Amino acid sequence: MHSEPPGERDALREKIIGLGETSLHKSYYPELQRRLAELERFRALLDQTHDAIFLIRAETGRLADVNASAKAYLGYSKKELLKKLFADLISPSKQAQFSEFLMDCSNLPSEFRQAFTAPLVARDGTEIPMEITVRSVTFGAEQYIVAIARDITDRIHTERELRIKESALESSTNGILIADLTGAVMYANRSFTAMFGYEREGTITGRNLEAFFADPTVGEKVTAHLLDNPAIVQETVGLRSNGSPFHIQISGSVVQNDAGQPLCIMLIVMDITERILTDQMRRETYAQLGKNIEQFAILGDHIRNPLQVIVGYAEMIDDPFAEKILAESRRIDGFVTELDRGWIESANVRQFLRRHGDGAKPPGETFFRFSNWKEEDP
């Protein structure tokens, strides 16, 4: 039998038991320690993430491992979770869909990721809305699925608030327009579209503000004003898509981000044509009332002057009809006195209404009149 020299046998023996310079123990153990330390750091990192991470056995669907966030969200211990199927944690209303989804994902290459939205059910029955991203991985000969679940409760609330605000904008009876800082239209609600005679909201997007005013410079002035000032309220003349003008009031402001930087311009537009015409009719009515009051006063004088002559003559003649003439003259004078009281009361009413603002032009408000334009028939 061939035997190794004594020196080689001793070297081999020392290498095996870890006494030699090149022993297996001395070369393997430090590397193992380093790898274990790396795994511990990686594990600590996974436990610190806010997302819940689940390692699922692809063949059985049973959980193989979870991180600390998964335990915190669901209220189960790790030992309890490792006894469960991942599908058991999905809300019953989504379990069938998720099982089908998971089966499809297990056949995808590892570089593919798929997302599924479903609530996870905690120990106390609370359903937590989650966006679950899954990926197929292979460790050794066994296939697994990594599921990363992110709590989307805040996102759902934010989306709901955005939908409510969007619905409020769309359902507003006032026209609402949003433009960028150059005046180019980004959004217009249905009321604005209808007010200006456009068929669809999309036909307005991209147009400049100047397209919606009878005087194109108004759009430029509004944009320039809002870049230097927080808000504007102005009455002007709008221009419909068919070229017809109408009275509008615009209330504008600049939308800013959290840092106070301007993002866009928002205009709220009201059609005030009816109010302008009503105010104009009211002013004309009061002007006519003033003329009527003056006419009543003049008319009274014109009646009284000849009536005094008639009374004078009737008192001078000796005739049976003279007394009757005097009686009718006094009756006519009574009518004129009632007319005087009437126009005096009308004058007092007009003064009262003007003193309390009805029929008077509000301070600081500008009323625009059409010059060569003709208002479209309603």
Protein backbone atom coordinates (compact mmCIF):
# COMPACT_ATOMS: atom_id res chain seq x y z
CA MET A 1 0.00 0.00 0.00
CA HIS A 2 1.26 3.44 -0.90
CA SER A 3 1.72 5.72 2.09
CA GLU A 4 2.30 9.43 2.17
CA PRO A 5 5.47 10.80 3.69
CA PRO A 6 5.13 11.73 7.37
CA GLY A 7 5.51 15.44 6.64
CA GLU A 8 2.61 15.54 4.17
CA ARG A 9 0.38 13.57 6.53
CA ASP A 10 1.05 16.05 9.34
CA ALA A 11 0.34 19.04 7.09
CA LEU A 12 -2.95 17.52 5.93
CA ARG A 13 -3.93 16.73 9.52
CA GLU A 14 -3.20 20.32 10.64
CA LYS A 15 -5.15 21.73 7.69
CA ILE A 16 -8.22 19.66 8.53
CA ILE A 17 -8.27 20.46 12.24
CA GLY A 18 -7.48 24.12 11.64
CA LEU A 19 -3.90 24.31 12.89
CA GLY A 20 -2.08 24.89 9.64
CA GLU A 21 -1.44 28.16 7.83
CA THR A 22 -3.81 27.17 5.02
CA SER A 23 -6.37 25.33 7.13
CA LEU A 24 -9.96 25.07 5.86
CA HIS A 25 -11.17 26.47 9.17
CA LYS A 26 -9.04 29.59 8.96
CA SER A 27 -10.03 30.37 5.33
CA TYR A 28 -13.75 29.47 5.45
CA TYR A 29 -14.90 30.67 8.85
CA PRO A 30 -14.04 34.41 8.45
CA GLU A 31 -15.79 34.46 5.07
CA LEU A 32 -18.83 32.83 6.65
CA GLN A 33 -18.84 35.41 9.42
CA ARG A 34 -18.63 38.23 6.87
CA ARG A 35 -21.53 36.82 4.86
CA LEU A 36 -23.64 36.38 7.99
CA ALA A 37 -22.94 39.97 9.02
CA GLU A 38 -24.03 41.18 5.58
CA LEU A 39 -27.22 39.16 5.83
CA GLU A 40 -27.94 40.62 9.27
CA ARG A 41 -27.47 44.15 7.96
CA PHE A 42 -29.69 43.41 4.97
CA ARG A 43 -32.32 41.91 7.28
CA ALA A 44 -32.21 45.00 9.53
CA LEU A 45 -32.62 47.18 6.46
CA LEU A 46 -35.68 45.24 5.32
CA ASP A 47 -37.19 45.48 8.79
CA GLN A 48 -36.81 49.27 8.76
CA THR A 49 -38.67 49.81 5.50
CA HIS A 50 -42.23 51.06 5.74
CA ASP A 51 -43.44 48.56 3.14
CA ALA A 52 -44.57 45.10 4.21
CA ILE A 53 -42.47 42.39 2.52
CA PHE A 54 -43.62 38.78 2.13
CA LEU A 55 -41.64 35.82 0.77
CA ILE A 56 -44.12 33.27 -0.61
CA ARG A 57 -43.45 29.69 -1.68
CA ALA A 58 -44.64 29.59 -5.29
CA GLU A 59 -45.70 25.95 -5.15
CA THR A 60 -47.89 26.14 -2.03
CA GLY A 61 -48.62 29.84 -1.61
CA ARG A 62 -47.52 29.58 2.02
CA LEU A 63 -45.45 32.34 3.59
CA ALA A 64 -41.76 31.55 3.99
CA ASP A 65 -40.65 34.83 5.57
CA VAL A 66 -41.91 38.33 6.42
CA ASN A 67 -40.31 41.57 7.55
CA ALA A 68 -41.12 43.59 10.68
CA SER A 69 -43.48 45.97 8.84
CA ALA A 70 -45.66 43.04 7.76
CA LYS A 71 -46.05 42.01 11.41
CA ALA A 72 -46.77 45.61 12.47
CA TYR A 73 -49.45 46.17 9.82
CA LEU A 74 -51.30 42.92 10.37
CA GLY A 75 -50.87 42.44 14.12
CA TYR A 76 -49.63 38.85 13.82
CA SER A 77 -46.38 37.39 15.12
CA LYS A 78 -43.90 36.01 12.60
CA LYS A 79 -44.62 32.49 13.80
CA GLU A 80 -48.35 32.97 13.17
CA LEU A 81 -47.79 34.42 9.72
CA LEU A 82 -45.53 31.59 8.59
CA LYS A 83 -48.43 29.19 9.16
CA LYS A 84 -50.67 31.09 6.75
CA LEU A 85 -51.22 31.17 3.04
CA PHE A 86 -50.62 34.67 1.69
CA ALA A 87 -54.00 34.55 -0.05
CA ASP A 88 -55.64 34.19 3.39
CA LEU A 89 -54.46 37.72 4.22
CA ILE A 90 -56.25 39.18 1.18
CA SER A 91 -59.74 40.60 1.63
CA PRO A 92 -62.37 37.94 0.74
CA SER A 93 -63.77 40.24 -1.94
CA LYS A 94 -60.41 40.11 -3.79
CA GLN A 95 -59.11 36.62 -2.97
CA ALA A 96 -60.27 34.91 -6.17
CA GLN A 97 -58.84 37.67 -8.36
CA PHE A 98 -55.57 37.71 -6.45
CA SER A 99 -55.10 33.93 -6.64
CA GLU A 100 -55.49 34.08 -10.41
CA PHE A 101 -53.14 37.06 -10.54
CA LEU A 102 -50.52 35.27 -8.43
CA MET A 103 -50.68 32.18 -10.63
CA ASP A 104 -50.01 34.30 -13.72
CA CYS A 105 -47.10 36.06 -12.02
CA SER A 106 -45.38 32.81 -11.01
CA ASN A 107 -44.87 32.01 -14.70
CA LEU A 108 -43.27 35.35 -15.54
CA PRO A 109 -39.50 35.89 -15.80
CA SER A 110 -37.85 37.28 -12.67
CA GLU A 111 -37.21 40.69 -14.23
CA PHE A 112 -40.96 41.31 -14.59
CA ARG A 113 -42.92 42.99 -11.81
CA GLN A 114 -46.69 43.13 -11.59
CA ALA A 115 -48.88 45.22 -9.29
CA PHE A 116 -52.26 44.39 -7.79
CA THR A 117 -54.43 46.56 -5.54
CA ALA A 118 -56.27 44.79 -2.73
CA PRO A 119 -56.90 45.24 1.00
CA LEU A 120 -54.95 43.10 3.47
CA VAL A 121 -56.96 41.95 6.49
CA ALA A 122 -55.33 42.50 9.90
CA ARG A 123 -55.85 40.33 12.97
CA ASP A 124 -58.62 42.65 14.27
CA GLY A 125 -60.47 42.50 10.93
CA THR A 126 -59.35 45.92 9.72
CA GLU A 127 -58.88 46.06 5.96
CA ILE A 128 -55.81 48.03 4.90
CA PRO A 129 -55.79 49.12 1.25
CA MET A 130 -52.49 48.01 -0.28
CA GLU A 131 -50.73 48.15 -3.62
CA ILE A 132 -48.99 44.78 -3.86
CA THR A 133 -46.04 44.47 -6.24
CA VAL A 134 -44.93 40.86 -6.89
CA ARG A 135 -41.90 39.33 -8.52
CA SER A 136 -40.87 35.72 -9.11
CA VAL A 137 -37.44 34.67 -7.75
CA THR A 138 -35.52 31.38 -7.45
CA PHE A 139 -33.38 30.35 -4.49
CA GLY A 140 -31.49 27.16 -5.17
CA ALA A 141 -33.97 24.78 -6.75
CA GLU A 142 -37.08 26.32 -5.19
CA GLN A 143 -39.19 29.10 -6.70
CA TYR A 144 -40.57 31.91 -4.57
CA ILE A 145 -42.65 35.02 -5.04
CA VAL A 146 -41.65 38.27 -3.33
CA ALA A 147 -44.66 40.48 -2.54
CA ILE A 148 -44.09 44.08 -1.44
CA ALA A 149 -47.25 45.67 -0.05
CA ARG A 150 -47.48 49.45 0.27
CA ASP A 151 -50.19 51.14 2.32
CA ILE A 152 -52.14 53.41 -0.05
CA THR A 153 -54.69 54.72 2.47
CA ASP A 154 -53.37 58.29 2.20
CA ARG A 155 -53.22 58.06 -1.58
CA ILE A 156 -56.84 56.90 -1.77
CA HIS A 157 -57.94 59.78 0.47
CA THR A 158 -55.95 62.24 -1.65
CA GLU A 159 -57.42 60.86 -4.87
CA ARG A 160 -60.90 61.10 -3.37
CA GLU A 161 -60.31 64.74 -2.40
CA LEU A 162 -59.02 65.47 -5.89
CA ARG A 163 -62.11 63.86 -7.44
CA ILE A 164 -64.36 65.93 -5.17
CA LYS A 165 -62.53 69.12 -6.12
CA GLU A 166 -62.60 68.20 -9.80
CA SER A 167 -66.32 67.48 -9.55
CA ALA A 168 -66.85 70.83 -7.82
CA LEU A 169 -65.01 72.61 -10.63
CA GLU A 170 -66.99 70.78 -13.29
CA SER A 171 -70.37 71.32 -11.63
CA SER A 172 -69.84 75.02 -10.86
CA THR A 173 -72.34 77.32 -12.55
CA ASN A 174 -69.54 79.86 -12.98
CA GLY A 175 -67.02 79.47 -15.76
CA ILE A 176 -63.63 78.32 -14.45
CA LEU A 177 -60.48 78.64 -16.49
CA ILE A 178 -56.94 77.57 -15.58
CA ALA A 179 -54.02 78.89 -17.63
CA ASP A 180 -50.26 78.66 -17.36
CA LEU A 181 -48.15 81.71 -16.49
CA THR A 182 -47.96 82.72 -20.16
CA GLY A 183 -51.76 82.81 -20.47
CA ALA A 184 -52.17 79.54 -22.38
CA VAL A 185 -55.32 77.67 -21.32
CA MET A 186 -54.75 74.35 -19.53
CA TYR A 187 -58.31 73.61 -18.37
CA ALA A 188 -61.84 74.95 -18.80
CA ASN A 189 -64.95 73.56 -17.11
CA ARG A 190 -68.28 72.89 -18.81
CA SER A 191 -69.83 76.18 -17.70
CA PHE A 192 -67.01 78.19 -19.26
CA THR A 193 -67.25 76.19 -22.47
CA ALA A 194 -71.01 76.73 -22.69
CA MET A 195 -70.78 80.40 -21.68
CA PHE A 196 -68.36 81.18 -24.50
CA GLY A 197 -70.16 79.00 -27.05
CA TYR A 198 -67.62 76.22 -27.52
CA GLU A 199 -68.80 72.65 -28.08
CA ARG A 200 -66.05 70.79 -26.17
CA GLU A 201 -63.54 71.61 -23.46
CA GLY A 202 -60.71 70.36 -25.67
CA THR A 203 -61.30 73.08 -28.25
CA ILE A 204 -60.29 75.70 -25.66
CA THR A 205 -57.12 74.04 -24.36
CA GLY A 206 -53.99 75.73 -25.69
CA ARG A 207 -55.69 79.00 -26.63
CA ASN A 208 -54.43 82.24 -25.11
CA LEU A 209 -56.56 84.28 -22.71
CA GLU A 210 -56.77 87.13 -25.22
CA ALA A 211 -59.10 84.98 -27.37
CA PHE A 212 -61.90 85.33 -24.81
CA PHE A 213 -62.04 89.14 -24.53
CA ALA A 214 -63.50 91.67 -26.97
CA ASP A 215 -60.37 93.71 -26.29
CA PRO A 216 -57.44 91.25 -26.70
CA THR A 217 -55.19 93.41 -24.52
CA VAL A 218 -57.38 92.59 -21.51
CA GLY A 219 -55.99 89.05 -21.45
CA GLU A 220 -52.43 90.36 -21.44
CA LYS A 221 -53.22 92.88 -18.71
CA VAL A 222 -54.91 90.26 -16.51
CA THR A 223 -51.91 87.91 -16.84
CA ALA A 224 -49.41 90.68 -16.13
CA HIS A 225 -51.44 91.91 -13.15
CA LEU A 226 -51.66 88.47 -11.56
CA LEU A 227 -47.91 87.90 -11.87
CA ASP A 228 -47.38 90.92 -9.61
CA ASN A 229 -50.54 90.77 -7.50
CA PRO A 230 -52.34 87.92 -5.70
CA ALA A 231 -55.82 88.58 -7.14
CA ILE A 232 -57.94 90.64 -9.50
CA VAL A 233 -61.67 91.42 -9.85
CA GLN A 234 -62.73 93.18 -13.02
CA GLU A 235 -65.76 93.74 -15.20
CA THR A 236 -65.13 93.70 -18.91
CA VAL A 237 -66.55 92.42 -22.21
CA GLY A 238 -66.09 88.79 -23.19
CA LEU A 239 -66.08 87.40 -26.71
CA ARG A 240 -68.00 84.26 -27.66
CA SER A 241 -66.77 81.78 -30.25
CA ASN A 242 -69.18 83.28 -32.83
CA GLY A 243 -67.75 86.76 -32.28
CA SER A 244 -70.65 88.16 -30.24
CA PRO A 245 -69.70 90.20 -27.13
CA PHE A 246 -71.25 89.95 -23.67
CA HIS A 247 -70.63 91.44 -20.25
CA ILE A 248 -68.54 89.36 -17.83
CA GLN A 249 -66.95 89.69 -14.42
CA ILE A 250 -63.65 87.91 -13.86
CA SER A 251 -62.15 87.02 -10.49
CA GLY A 252 -58.58 85.83 -10.89
CA SER A 253 -55.85 84.50 -8.63
CA VAL A 254 -52.47 82.79 -8.87
CA VAL A 255 -52.17 79.18 -7.70
CA GLN A 256 -48.93 78.68 -5.76
CA ASN A 257 -47.01 75.66 -4.52
CA ASP A 258 -45.98 75.09 -0.90
CA ALA A 259 -42.89 77.23 -1.43
CA GLY A 260 -44.99 80.18 -2.61
CA GLN A 261 -43.91 79.88 -6.22
CA PRO A 262 -46.61 80.59 -8.85
CA LEU A 263 -47.82 77.53 -10.75
CA CYS A 264 -50.75 78.72 -12.83
CA ILE A 265 -53.56 81.28 -13.12
CA MET A 266 -57.18 80.56 -12.27
CA LEU A 267 -60.07 82.72 -13.47
CA ILE A 268 -63.69 82.51 -12.32
CA VAL A 269 -65.97 84.06 -14.92
CA MET A 270 -69.58 85.17 -14.47
CA ASP A 271 -71.94 86.27 -17.22
CA ILE A 272 -73.32 89.60 -15.89
CA THR A 273 -75.13 90.68 -19.04
CA GLU A 274 -78.54 90.42 -17.36
CA ARG A 275 -77.36 92.37 -14.34
CA ILE A 276 -75.80 95.09 -16.51
CA LEU A 277 -78.98 95.42 -18.55
CA THR A 278 -81.12 95.45 -15.37
CA ASP A 279 -78.94 98.14 -13.83
CA GLN A 280 -79.10 100.15 -17.02
CA MET A 281 -82.92 99.86 -17.10
CA ARG A 282 -83.04 100.86 -13.43
CA ARG A 283 -80.93 103.95 -14.06
CA GLU A 284 -83.04 104.88 -17.05
CA THR A 285 -86.21 104.36 -14.99
CA TYR A 286 -84.94 106.65 -12.23
CA ALA A 287 -83.95 109.26 -14.79
CA GLN A 288 -87.41 109.09 -16.33
CA LEU A 289 -88.97 109.30 -12.87
CA GLY A 290 -87.05 112.51 -12.24
CA LYS A 291 -88.33 113.96 -15.50
CA ASN A 292 -91.90 112.93 -14.63
CA ILE A 293 -91.64 114.62 -11.23
CA GLU A 294 -90.51 117.85 -12.89
CA GLN A 295 -93.37 117.57 -15.40
CA PHE A 296 -95.88 117.07 -12.56
CA ALA A 297 -94.67 120.25 -10.87
CA ILE A 298 -94.86 122.24 -14.11
CA LEU A 299 -98.26 120.75 -14.92
CA GLY A 300 -99.59 121.84 -11.51
CA ASP A 301 -98.47 125.39 -12.11
CA HIS A 302 -99.98 125.37 -15.60
CA ILE A 303 -103.34 124.31 -14.16
CA ARG A 304 -103.33 126.63 -11.15
CA ASN A 305 -102.48 129.81 -13.03
CA PRO A 306 -105.53 129.80 -15.38
CA LEU A 307 -107.67 128.39 -12.56
CA GLN A 308 -106.93 131.46 -10.44
CA VAL A 309 -108.09 133.67 -13.32
CA ILE A 310 -111.33 131.70 -13.60
CA VAL A 311 -111.95 132.00 -9.86
CA GLY A 312 -111.27 135.75 -10.01
CA TYR A 313 -113.81 136.27 -12.75
CA ALA A 314 -116.41 134.05 -11.05
CA GLU A 315 -116.15 136.09 -7.85
CA MET A 316 -116.68 139.31 -9.78
CA ILE A 317 -119.85 138.37 -11.62
CA ASP A 318 -123.32 138.23 -10.18
CA ASP A 319 -124.67 135.09 -11.70
CA PRO A 320 -126.34 131.93 -10.31
CA PHE A 321 -123.67 129.81 -12.06
CA ALA A 322 -120.77 131.67 -10.40
CA GLU A 323 -121.07 129.64 -7.20
CA LYS A 324 -121.04 126.43 -9.18
CA ILE A 325 -117.92 127.60 -11.07
CA LEU A 326 -116.20 128.37 -7.76
CA ALA A 327 -117.13 124.96 -6.34
CA GLU A 328 -115.70 123.11 -9.36
CA SER A 329 -112.59 125.31 -9.25
CA ARG A 330 -112.00 124.34 -5.62
CA ARG A 331 -112.45 120.69 -6.63
CA ILE A 332 -109.86 121.05 -9.44
CA ASP A 333 -107.49 122.76 -7.02
CA GLY A 334 -107.87 119.76 -4.70
CA PHE A 335 -106.86 117.40 -7.51
CA VAL A 336 -103.78 119.51 -8.26
CA THR A 337 -102.87 119.53 -4.57
CA GLU A 338 -103.04 115.69 -4.55
CA LEU A 339 -100.76 115.65 -7.61
CA ASP A 340 -98.32 117.89 -5.75
CA ARG A 341 -98.30 115.53 -2.79
CA GLY A 342 -97.76 112.59 -5.16
CA TRP A 343 -94.68 113.98 -6.91
CA ILE A 344 -93.24 115.14 -3.59
CA GLU A 345 -93.64 111.59 -2.22
CA SER A 346 -92.11 110.19 -5.42
CA ALA A 347 -89.17 112.52 -5.05
CA ASN A 348 -88.72 111.42 -1.42
CA VAL A 349 -88.86 107.74 -2.42
CA ARG A 350 -86.28 108.30 -5.16
CA GLN A 351 -84.01 110.12 -2.72
CA PHE A 352 -84.42 107.32 -0.14
CA LEU A 353 -83.55 104.60 -2.66
CA ARG A 354 -80.50 106.50 -3.86
CA ARG A 355 -79.38 107.10 -0.29
CA HIS A 356 -79.58 103.36 0.43
CA GLY A 357 -77.84 102.27 -2.74
CA ASP A 358 -80.74 100.88 -4.79
CA GLY A 359 -80.48 102.16 -8.33
CA ALA A 360 -77.20 103.90 -7.73
CA LYS A 361 -73.92 102.83 -9.24
CA PRO A 362 -71.84 100.92 -6.65
CA PRO A 363 -68.65 102.76 -5.66
CA GLY A 364 -65.55 101.75 -7.55
CA GLU A 365 -67.43 99.59 -10.06
CA THR A 366 -67.08 100.21 -13.78
CA PHE A 367 -70.02 99.62 -16.09
CA PHE A 368 -69.09 98.89 -19.69
CA ARG A 369 -71.34 99.83 -22.59
CA PHE A 370 -71.27 98.45 -26.10
CA SER A 371 -70.36 100.99 -28.70
CA ASN A 372 -70.70 99.43 -32.15
CA TRP A 373 -71.67 95.95 -30.93
CA LYS A 374 -75.18 94.63 -30.85
CA GLU A 375 -76.23 92.20 -28.11
CA GLU A 376 -77.33 88.83 -29.40
CA ASP A 377 -80.98 87.97 -28.99
CA PRO A 378 -81.52 85.48 -26.12
